[in-house]
Amino acid sequence: MALDKGKLKTDFKQLFTDMRTREENSDDEFANRFADMIDTYVKSATINYASGLVAPTNGGFVTGVFNGNIT
């Protein structure tokens, strides 16, 4: 799944609208909802690996340069 900037923007606007309707400040609610939005957004990223990394057959560190992108 690709990152959806439009949905993130809509979610932010909804959060701000919701917070403006509160009679009392709710910093914890805001912080939790904000963190959840960012967490969901980042976890929706897809890493597309093309080539470039080599793993030794006898074990050890992977070497090379990652060729790919994140969507």
Protein backbone atom coordinates (compact mmCIF):
# COMPACT_ATOMS: atom_id res chain seq x y z
CA MET A 1 0.00 0.00 0.00
CA ALA A 2 1.32 3.46 -0.84
CA LEU A 3 1.54 6.41 1.50
CA ASP A 4 -1.70 8.41 1.36
CA LYS A 5 -0.87 12.06 2.04
CA GLY A 6 -4.43 13.13 1.26
CA LYS A 7 -5.89 10.86 3.95
CA LEU A 8 -3.31 12.08 6.46
CA LYS A 9 -4.28 15.68 5.70
CA THR A 10 -7.99 14.87 6.09
CA ASP A 11 -7.29 13.09 9.39
CA PHE A 12 -5.32 16.13 10.68
CA LYS A 13 -8.13 18.48 9.77
CA GLN A 14 -10.66 16.25 11.52
CA LEU A 15 -8.48 16.07 14.63
CA PHE A 16 -8.13 19.86 14.79
CA THR A 17 -11.87 20.32 14.23
CA ASP A 18 -12.66 17.81 16.98
CA MET A 19 -10.26 19.47 19.41
CA ARG A 20 -11.82 22.91 18.82
CA THR A 21 -15.21 21.58 19.93
CA ARG A 22 -13.91 20.49 23.34
CA GLU A 23 -14.90 22.49 26.40
CA GLU A 24 -11.64 21.60 28.12
CA ASN A 25 -8.14 21.04 26.78
CA SER A 26 -7.37 17.42 26.16
CA ASP A 27 -3.64 17.28 25.47
CA ASP A 28 -3.51 13.52 26.07
CA GLU A 29 -6.30 12.80 23.60
CA PHE A 30 -4.71 15.07 21.01
CA ALA A 31 -1.28 13.48 21.49
CA ASN A 32 -2.67 9.94 21.28
CA ARG A 33 -4.73 10.60 18.16
CA PHE A 34 -1.85 12.47 16.50
CA ALA A 35 0.56 9.60 17.27
CA ASP A 36 -1.95 7.05 15.95
CA MET A 37 -2.32 8.99 12.68
CA ILE A 38 1.44 9.17 12.14
CA ASP A 39 1.87 5.50 13.09
CA THR A 40 -0.80 4.42 10.60
CA TYR A 41 0.66 6.66 7.87
CA VAL A 42 4.23 5.38 8.28
CA LYS A 43 3.18 1.73 8.54
CA SER A 44 1.30 2.03 5.24
CA ALA A 45 4.58 2.57 3.37
CA THR A 46 5.81 -0.06 0.97
CA ILE A 47 9.53 -0.66 0.42
CA ASN A 48 10.26 -1.63 -3.17
CA TYR A 49 13.62 -3.38 -3.39
CA ALA A 50 15.15 -3.60 -6.87
CA SER A 51 18.73 -4.76 -6.32
CA GLY A 52 22.11 -3.95 -4.85
CA LEU A 53 22.47 -5.90 -1.61
CA VAL A 54 24.57 -9.03 -1.25
CA ALA A 55 24.40 -11.49 1.64
CA PRO A 56 27.43 -13.76 2.10
CA THR A 57 26.60 -17.46 1.71
CA ASN A 58 28.51 -18.35 4.90
CA GLY A 59 26.74 -15.70 6.98
CA GLY A 60 27.85 -12.26 7.96
CA PHE A 61 26.87 -8.71 7.16
CA VAL A 62 24.86 -7.72 4.11
CA THR A 63 26.83 -5.34 1.90
CA GLY A 64 26.09 -3.17 -1.09
CA VAL A 65 23.90 -0.22 -1.91
CA PHE A 66 20.13 -0.47 -1.64
CA ASN A 67 18.47 0.30 -4.98
CA GLY A 68 14.78 0.86 -4.60
CA ASN A 69 12.25 3.29 -3.23
CA ILE A 70 9.52 3.80 -0.68
CA THR A 71 5.93 4.43 -1.69
